[in-house]
Amino acid sequence: MRLFRRGPKRDGDDAPRDAEFAFFSVAEGSRFRGQVREAFAERGLEVTVYSDVVTDSAGRQFGLGNLAAVCHNDERGPRVWPKVIRGHVGMVLRTMDAPSALDTLPPDQIRSQLYPRVIGSEGLDRETFRYARALAPGLSEVLALDLPESVMILTDDALEPLGDVPVLRERAMANLKALPVEGHETIKDARGMRLEVVVGDSFYTASRVLVLDALVRQVTGQQLTEDGALVALPFRHQIAFHVIRDAGVIPSLNALAAFAASGYADTPGAITPYVYWWRAGRLTQLSDRDEAGDGLRIVVGEDFQDMLERLVARHRGDE
């Protein structure tokens, strides 16, 4: 007799796929959206459900992408989806119906809960976020207010009463540096490949790319060299890096490219599937979609190529 019942099994890959969320089958997508509608109805709110968003009679929209990814990645299976969905919907409605934290919290407390957030630039309204800092193609840095149940991305108008953006960013960066490392794992092999992977529940784990030199010291106890590091931030709860010291950068680059693409797929809070070269605080993209659009390729510039040749030559000289 089994002590624990297994939840309903997921449909196999051969089942017809949902048009919006390919990690769901058609049947799973329908079940998910039906449970979303029920969760809103339990809260007294009738919504119209579309493929990737729901709307209420007041015109408010609630995106489904992150919630769908959370359900997909929950190892307990579809049996827990109703509970997960109800919890998410409750949190969203409490946040939307409550007074704005910008109106209720004193300015000093707001500054103490301010963090920089690295996000994908797609869909970012440049008229609303004129202060947003471009980090690399497809990546931007904004400021966010960390709240007990949510994260509020702050617009130009929201920041104006709080002070000058450079001063606010300096405080946010100090808050980011003070975060503890929640989880760390080293992945390595005999070829010299070595990746340091930092994970955490914090919504700002991946944003620690902004203070990567401090994170490297915190995790490894060592300083970055002038050659910098390879880094990937596939989604908000994970960052992986390789400190560049020798020819191990070559297998590490290939491993990190695969790692980033895999971590980006079907995850809540997805940021980027690409690998970057971090050097003196600047990011240079090293991987991209191949020409067919169904895979990745490594693309390096002259500076990175020169560095590789120098490290390989040193390695051969040491043999």
Protein backbone atom coordinates (compact mmCIF):
# COMPACT_ATOMS: atom_id res chain seq x y z
CA MET A 1 0.00 0.00 0.00
CA ARG A 2 1.41 3.39 -0.99
CA LEU A 3 1.61 6.03 1.70
CA PHE A 4 1.54 8.90 -0.79
CA ARG A 5 -0.66 9.35 -3.83
CA ARG A 6 0.90 10.68 -6.96
CA GLY A 7 -0.75 13.68 -8.55
CA PRO A 8 -2.30 13.50 -12.01
CA LYS A 9 0.37 12.85 -14.60
CA ARG A 10 1.28 15.47 -17.17
CA ASP A 11 0.36 14.84 -20.77
CA GLY A 12 3.17 13.47 -22.91
CA ASP A 13 5.09 15.48 -25.49
CA ASP A 14 3.12 13.76 -28.24
CA ALA A 15 -0.13 15.42 -27.09
CA PRO A 16 -1.20 18.51 -29.09
CA ARG A 17 0.50 21.59 -27.62
CA ASP A 18 -1.10 24.77 -26.30
CA ALA A 19 -0.70 27.60 -28.81
CA GLU A 20 0.50 30.16 -26.21
CA PHE A 21 2.33 28.04 -23.64
CA ALA A 22 3.95 25.14 -25.47
CA PHE A 23 4.98 23.47 -22.20
CA PHE A 24 1.25 22.75 -21.70
CA SER A 25 -0.77 20.37 -23.81
CA VAL A 26 -4.01 21.75 -25.22
CA ALA A 27 -5.91 19.99 -22.43
CA GLU A 28 -3.55 21.28 -19.73
CA GLY A 29 -3.79 24.83 -21.05
CA SER A 30 -7.56 24.66 -20.98
CA ARG A 31 -7.49 23.27 -17.43
CA PHE A 32 -5.08 25.99 -16.30
CA ARG A 33 -7.18 28.84 -17.73
CA GLY A 34 -10.37 27.38 -16.30
CA GLN A 35 -8.76 27.27 -12.84
CA VAL A 36 -7.63 30.88 -13.24
CA ARG A 37 -11.20 31.93 -14.03
CA GLU A 38 -12.49 30.02 -10.99
CA ALA A 39 -9.88 31.62 -8.70
CA PHE A 40 -10.97 35.11 -9.72
CA ALA A 41 -14.65 34.15 -9.39
CA GLU A 42 -14.03 32.92 -5.83
CA ARG A 43 -12.85 36.46 -5.09
CA GLY A 44 -16.02 37.93 -6.58
CA LEU A 45 -14.39 39.05 -9.82
CA GLU A 46 -15.59 37.88 -13.20
CA VAL A 47 -12.86 37.96 -15.81
CA THR A 48 -12.52 37.29 -19.51
CA VAL A 49 -9.75 34.78 -20.14
CA TYR A 50 -7.57 35.06 -23.23
CA SER A 51 -4.59 32.92 -24.22
CA ASP A 52 -2.00 34.87 -22.18
CA VAL A 53 -3.96 37.42 -20.17
CA VAL A 54 -7.24 37.94 -18.31
CA THR A 55 -9.20 41.20 -18.10
CA ASP A 56 -11.91 42.39 -15.73
CA SER A 57 -14.83 44.74 -16.36
CA ALA A 58 -12.71 47.74 -15.29
CA GLY A 59 -10.19 47.01 -18.02
CA ARG A 60 -7.46 45.80 -15.67
CA GLN A 61 -5.22 43.14 -17.17
CA PHE A 62 -3.50 40.25 -15.43
CA GLY A 63 -0.77 38.47 -17.39
CA LEU A 64 -0.64 34.68 -17.22
CA GLY A 65 2.90 33.96 -18.42
CA ASN A 66 4.71 33.78 -15.08
CA LEU A 67 1.86 31.94 -13.36
CA ALA A 68 1.72 29.37 -16.16
CA ALA A 69 5.49 28.83 -15.84
CA VAL A 70 5.19 28.43 -12.06
CA CYS A 71 2.53 25.74 -12.49
CA HIS A 72 4.54 24.01 -15.21
CA ASN A 73 7.66 23.87 -13.03
CA ASP A 74 5.90 22.69 -9.87
CA GLU A 75 7.07 19.09 -9.45
CA ARG A 76 3.91 18.18 -7.53
CA GLY A 77 1.96 18.25 -10.77
CA PRO A 78 -1.49 19.49 -11.78
CA ARG A 79 -3.10 18.44 -8.51
CA VAL A 80 -1.61 21.53 -6.82
CA TRP A 81 -2.38 24.00 -9.61
CA PRO A 82 -5.68 25.20 -8.06
CA LYS A 83 -3.90 26.02 -4.77
CA VAL A 84 -1.00 27.73 -6.54
CA ILE A 85 -3.36 29.74 -8.75
CA ARG A 86 -5.62 30.79 -5.86
CA GLY A 87 -2.59 31.97 -3.89
CA HIS A 88 -1.28 33.99 -6.82
CA VAL A 89 -4.63 35.56 -7.65
CA GLY A 90 -5.18 36.48 -4.00
CA MET A 91 -1.77 38.15 -3.81
CA VAL A 92 -2.34 40.07 -7.05
CA LEU A 93 -5.74 41.39 -5.97
CA ARG A 94 -4.53 42.34 -2.49
CA THR A 95 -1.68 44.27 -4.05
CA MET A 96 -3.90 46.05 -6.57
CA ASP A 97 -6.66 46.89 -4.10
CA ALA A 98 -4.38 48.10 -1.31
CA PRO A 99 -3.22 51.73 -1.06
CA SER A 100 0.00 52.37 -2.94
CA ALA A 101 3.08 51.78 -0.82
CA LEU A 102 4.45 55.03 -2.28
CA ASP A 103 1.63 56.86 -0.49
CA THR A 104 1.78 54.99 2.82
CA LEU A 105 5.48 54.32 3.48
CA PRO A 106 7.82 57.07 4.68
CA PRO A 107 10.56 58.03 2.20
CA ASP A 108 13.36 56.58 4.37
CA GLN A 109 11.65 53.19 4.45
CA ILE A 110 11.09 53.27 0.70
CA ARG A 111 14.80 53.89 0.16
CA SER A 112 15.68 51.01 2.48
CA GLN A 113 13.56 48.68 0.33
CA LEU A 114 14.83 49.94 -2.99
CA TYR A 115 16.76 47.57 -5.31
CA PRO A 116 18.04 47.66 -8.88
CA ARG A 117 16.33 45.08 -11.07
CA VAL A 118 17.71 43.68 -14.31
CA ILE A 119 14.93 42.83 -16.76
CA GLY A 120 14.49 42.00 -20.41
CA SER A 121 13.95 45.20 -22.39
CA GLU A 122 11.20 43.80 -24.58
CA GLY A 123 7.96 45.58 -23.79
CA LEU A 124 9.60 48.24 -21.61
CA ASP A 125 7.87 51.57 -22.23
CA ARG A 126 10.71 54.04 -22.74
CA GLU A 127 8.38 56.99 -22.24
CA THR A 128 7.43 55.74 -18.77
CA PHE A 129 10.92 54.52 -17.85
CA ARG A 130 13.16 57.21 -19.34
CA TYR A 131 15.64 56.70 -16.51
CA ALA A 132 16.08 52.98 -17.30
CA ARG A 133 19.72 52.10 -17.98
CA ALA A 134 20.57 49.94 -21.01
CA LEU A 135 23.05 47.22 -20.01
CA ALA A 136 23.33 45.28 -23.28
CA PRO A 137 21.05 44.55 -26.23
CA GLY A 138 17.80 43.30 -24.71
CA LEU A 139 18.76 44.04 -21.09
CA SER A 140 17.81 47.03 -18.94
CA GLU A 141 18.20 48.10 -15.33
CA VAL A 142 15.29 49.69 -13.47
CA LEU A 143 14.60 50.44 -9.81
CA ALA A 144 12.13 48.38 -7.81
CA LEU A 145 10.46 48.69 -4.43
CA ASP A 146 10.53 45.39 -2.53
CA LEU A 147 7.25 44.73 -0.70
CA PRO A 148 6.12 41.77 1.44
CA GLU A 149 3.99 40.20 -1.31
CA SER A 150 5.14 41.88 -4.47
CA VAL A 151 7.75 43.91 -6.27
CA MET A 152 6.83 47.35 -7.62
CA ILE A 153 8.81 48.48 -10.65
CA LEU A 154 9.11 52.26 -10.29
CA THR A 155 8.37 54.64 -13.13
CA ASP A 156 9.81 58.11 -13.70
CA ASP A 157 6.78 59.66 -12.00
CA ALA A 158 7.08 57.36 -8.99
CA LEU A 159 10.76 58.21 -8.50
CA GLU A 160 10.43 61.98 -8.84
CA PRO A 161 9.24 62.68 -5.25
CA LEU A 162 11.98 60.43 -3.81
CA GLY A 163 14.98 62.36 -5.09
CA ASP A 164 17.62 62.26 -7.80
CA VAL A 165 17.87 58.95 -9.66
CA PRO A 166 21.70 58.63 -9.30
CA VAL A 167 21.37 58.99 -5.50
CA LEU A 168 18.49 56.50 -5.38
CA ARG A 169 20.44 54.05 -7.54
CA GLU A 170 23.46 54.31 -5.24
CA ARG A 171 21.25 53.39 -2.27
CA ALA A 172 19.63 50.56 -4.22
CA MET A 173 23.03 49.16 -5.17
CA ALA A 174 24.11 49.22 -1.53
CA ASN A 175 20.94 47.28 -0.62
CA LEU A 176 21.72 44.75 -3.37
CA LYS A 177 25.28 44.21 -2.14
CA ALA A 178 23.97 43.54 1.37
CA LEU A 179 21.78 40.62 0.28
CA PRO A 180 22.91 37.20 1.55
CA VAL A 181 23.80 34.38 -0.81
CA GLU A 182 20.90 31.95 -0.42
CA GLY A 183 22.30 29.03 -2.39
CA HIS A 184 25.53 28.28 -4.25
CA GLU A 185 26.79 25.32 -6.24
CA THR A 186 29.99 24.74 -8.22
CA ILE A 187 29.75 22.73 -11.45
CA LYS A 188 33.03 21.55 -12.95
CA ASP A 189 34.65 18.81 -15.00
CA ALA A 190 38.11 17.49 -15.89
CA ARG A 191 38.38 19.66 -19.02
CA GLY A 192 38.62 22.85 -16.95
CA MET A 193 34.96 23.81 -17.22
CA ARG A 194 33.84 25.51 -14.02
CA LEU A 195 30.60 27.35 -13.31
CA GLU A 196 29.51 29.01 -10.08
CA VAL A 197 25.71 28.99 -9.80
CA VAL A 198 23.93 31.23 -7.28
CA VAL A 199 20.20 30.71 -6.69
CA GLY A 200 17.68 32.22 -4.32
CA ASP A 201 14.07 33.14 -3.66
CA SER A 202 15.01 36.81 -3.91
CA PHE A 203 13.69 38.55 -7.01
CA TYR A 204 17.09 40.26 -7.25
CA THR A 205 19.34 37.19 -7.44
CA ALA A 206 20.03 37.62 -11.17
CA SER A 207 20.36 41.39 -10.69
CA ARG A 208 23.56 40.74 -8.75
CA VAL A 209 25.26 40.86 -12.14
CA LEU A 210 25.35 44.60 -11.40
CA VAL A 211 27.71 43.90 -8.47
CA LEU A 212 29.37 40.81 -9.88
CA ASP A 213 32.80 41.71 -8.54
CA ALA A 214 31.38 41.79 -5.00
CA LEU A 215 29.42 38.56 -5.58
CA VAL A 216 32.56 36.76 -6.80
CA ARG A 217 34.43 37.77 -3.64
CA GLN A 218 31.47 36.69 -1.51
CA VAL A 219 31.15 33.28 -3.18
CA THR A 220 34.73 32.36 -4.04
CA GLY A 221 36.82 34.53 -1.73
CA GLN A 222 38.84 35.68 -4.75
CA GLN A 223 39.10 38.83 -6.84
CA LEU A 224 38.19 39.10 -10.50
CA THR A 225 41.11 39.62 -12.86
CA GLU A 226 41.18 42.29 -15.56
CA ASP A 227 39.79 39.65 -17.95
CA GLY A 228 36.55 39.59 -15.96
CA ALA A 229 34.04 36.76 -16.13
CA LEU A 230 31.47 34.98 -18.21
CA VAL A 231 27.98 35.40 -16.81
CA ALA A 232 24.43 34.21 -17.48
CA LEU A 233 21.20 35.38 -15.88
CA PRO A 234 18.49 33.20 -17.40
CA PHE A 235 15.78 34.13 -14.89
CA ARG A 236 15.33 36.32 -11.83
CA HIS A 237 16.20 33.66 -9.24
CA GLN A 238 19.50 32.48 -10.77
CA ILE A 239 22.86 33.79 -11.89
CA ALA A 240 25.83 31.72 -13.07
CA PHE A 241 29.37 32.86 -13.76
CA HIS A 242 32.85 31.66 -14.67
CA VAL A 243 35.83 33.68 -13.50
CA ILE A 244 38.24 33.99 -16.44
CA ARG A 245 41.74 32.91 -15.40
CA ASP A 246 42.95 30.40 -17.99
CA ALA A 247 42.01 28.35 -21.06
CA GLY A 248 39.15 26.79 -19.07
CA VAL A 249 37.14 29.73 -20.36
CA ILE A 250 36.55 27.84 -23.65
CA PRO A 251 34.68 24.78 -22.30
CA SER A 252 33.05 27.03 -19.70
CA LEU A 253 31.66 29.32 -22.41
CA ASN A 254 30.06 26.42 -24.24
CA ALA A 255 28.65 24.96 -21.03
CA LEU A 256 27.31 28.31 -19.86
CA ALA A 257 25.63 28.96 -23.21
CA ALA A 258 23.70 25.68 -22.91
CA PHE A 259 23.00 26.37 -19.23
CA ALA A 260 21.59 29.84 -19.96
CA ALA A 261 19.33 28.67 -22.78
CA SER A 262 17.99 25.79 -20.70
CA GLY A 263 17.40 27.94 -17.61
CA TYR A 264 15.59 30.61 -19.61
CA ALA A 265 13.07 28.25 -21.18
CA ASP A 266 9.64 28.01 -19.53
CA THR A 267 10.64 29.74 -16.27
CA PRO A 268 8.88 32.49 -14.32
CA GLY A 269 10.73 35.78 -14.43
CA ALA A 270 12.73 34.85 -17.53
CA ILE A 271 15.40 37.46 -18.42
CA THR A 272 17.76 36.28 -21.17
CA PRO A 273 18.95 33.02 -22.75
CA TYR A 274 22.36 34.46 -23.65
CA VAL A 275 25.87 34.52 -22.18
CA TYR A 276 27.73 37.77 -21.57
CA TRP A 277 31.31 38.84 -20.98
CA TRP A 278 31.50 40.94 -17.83
CA ARG A 279 34.53 43.19 -17.80
CA ALA A 280 34.94 46.31 -15.64
CA GLY A 281 31.18 46.41 -15.11
CA ARG A 282 30.24 46.26 -18.79
CA LEU A 283 28.38 43.43 -20.50
CA THR A 284 29.15 42.15 -24.00
CA GLN A 285 26.84 39.52 -25.49
CA LEU A 286 28.64 36.33 -26.56
CA SER A 287 25.83 34.00 -27.64
CA ASP A 288 22.88 34.50 -29.96
CA ARG A 289 20.24 32.64 -31.93
CA ASP A 290 21.58 30.82 -34.95
CA GLU A 291 20.40 31.82 -38.39
CA ALA A 292 17.67 29.17 -38.40
CA GLY A 293 16.34 30.51 -35.10
CA ASP A 294 16.15 27.10 -33.43
CA GLY A 295 19.57 26.97 -31.74
CA LEU A 296 22.39 29.07 -30.32
CA ARG A 297 25.75 30.16 -31.66
CA ILE A 298 28.78 31.74 -30.02
CA VAL A 299 29.68 35.16 -31.40
CA VAL A 300 32.86 36.85 -30.12
CA GLY A 301 34.47 40.14 -31.00
CA GLU A 302 38.11 41.01 -31.54
CA ASP A 303 38.83 41.84 -27.88
CA PHE A 304 37.44 38.55 -26.63
CA GLN A 305 39.23 36.60 -29.38
CA ASP A 306 42.54 38.25 -28.46
CA MET A 307 42.03 37.27 -24.85
CA LEU A 308 41.27 33.65 -25.81
CA GLU A 309 44.40 33.41 -27.93
CA ARG A 310 46.51 34.83 -25.11
CA LEU A 311 45.11 32.35 -22.56
CA VAL A 312 45.47 29.39 -24.92
CA ALA A 313 49.08 30.38 -25.70
CA ARG A 314 49.84 30.60 -21.99
CA HIS A 315 48.28 27.18 -21.44
CA ARG A 316 50.44 25.63 -24.18
CA GLY A 317 53.51 27.28 -22.71
CA ASP A 318 52.77 25.75 -19.33
CA GLU A 319 52.54 22.22 -20.74
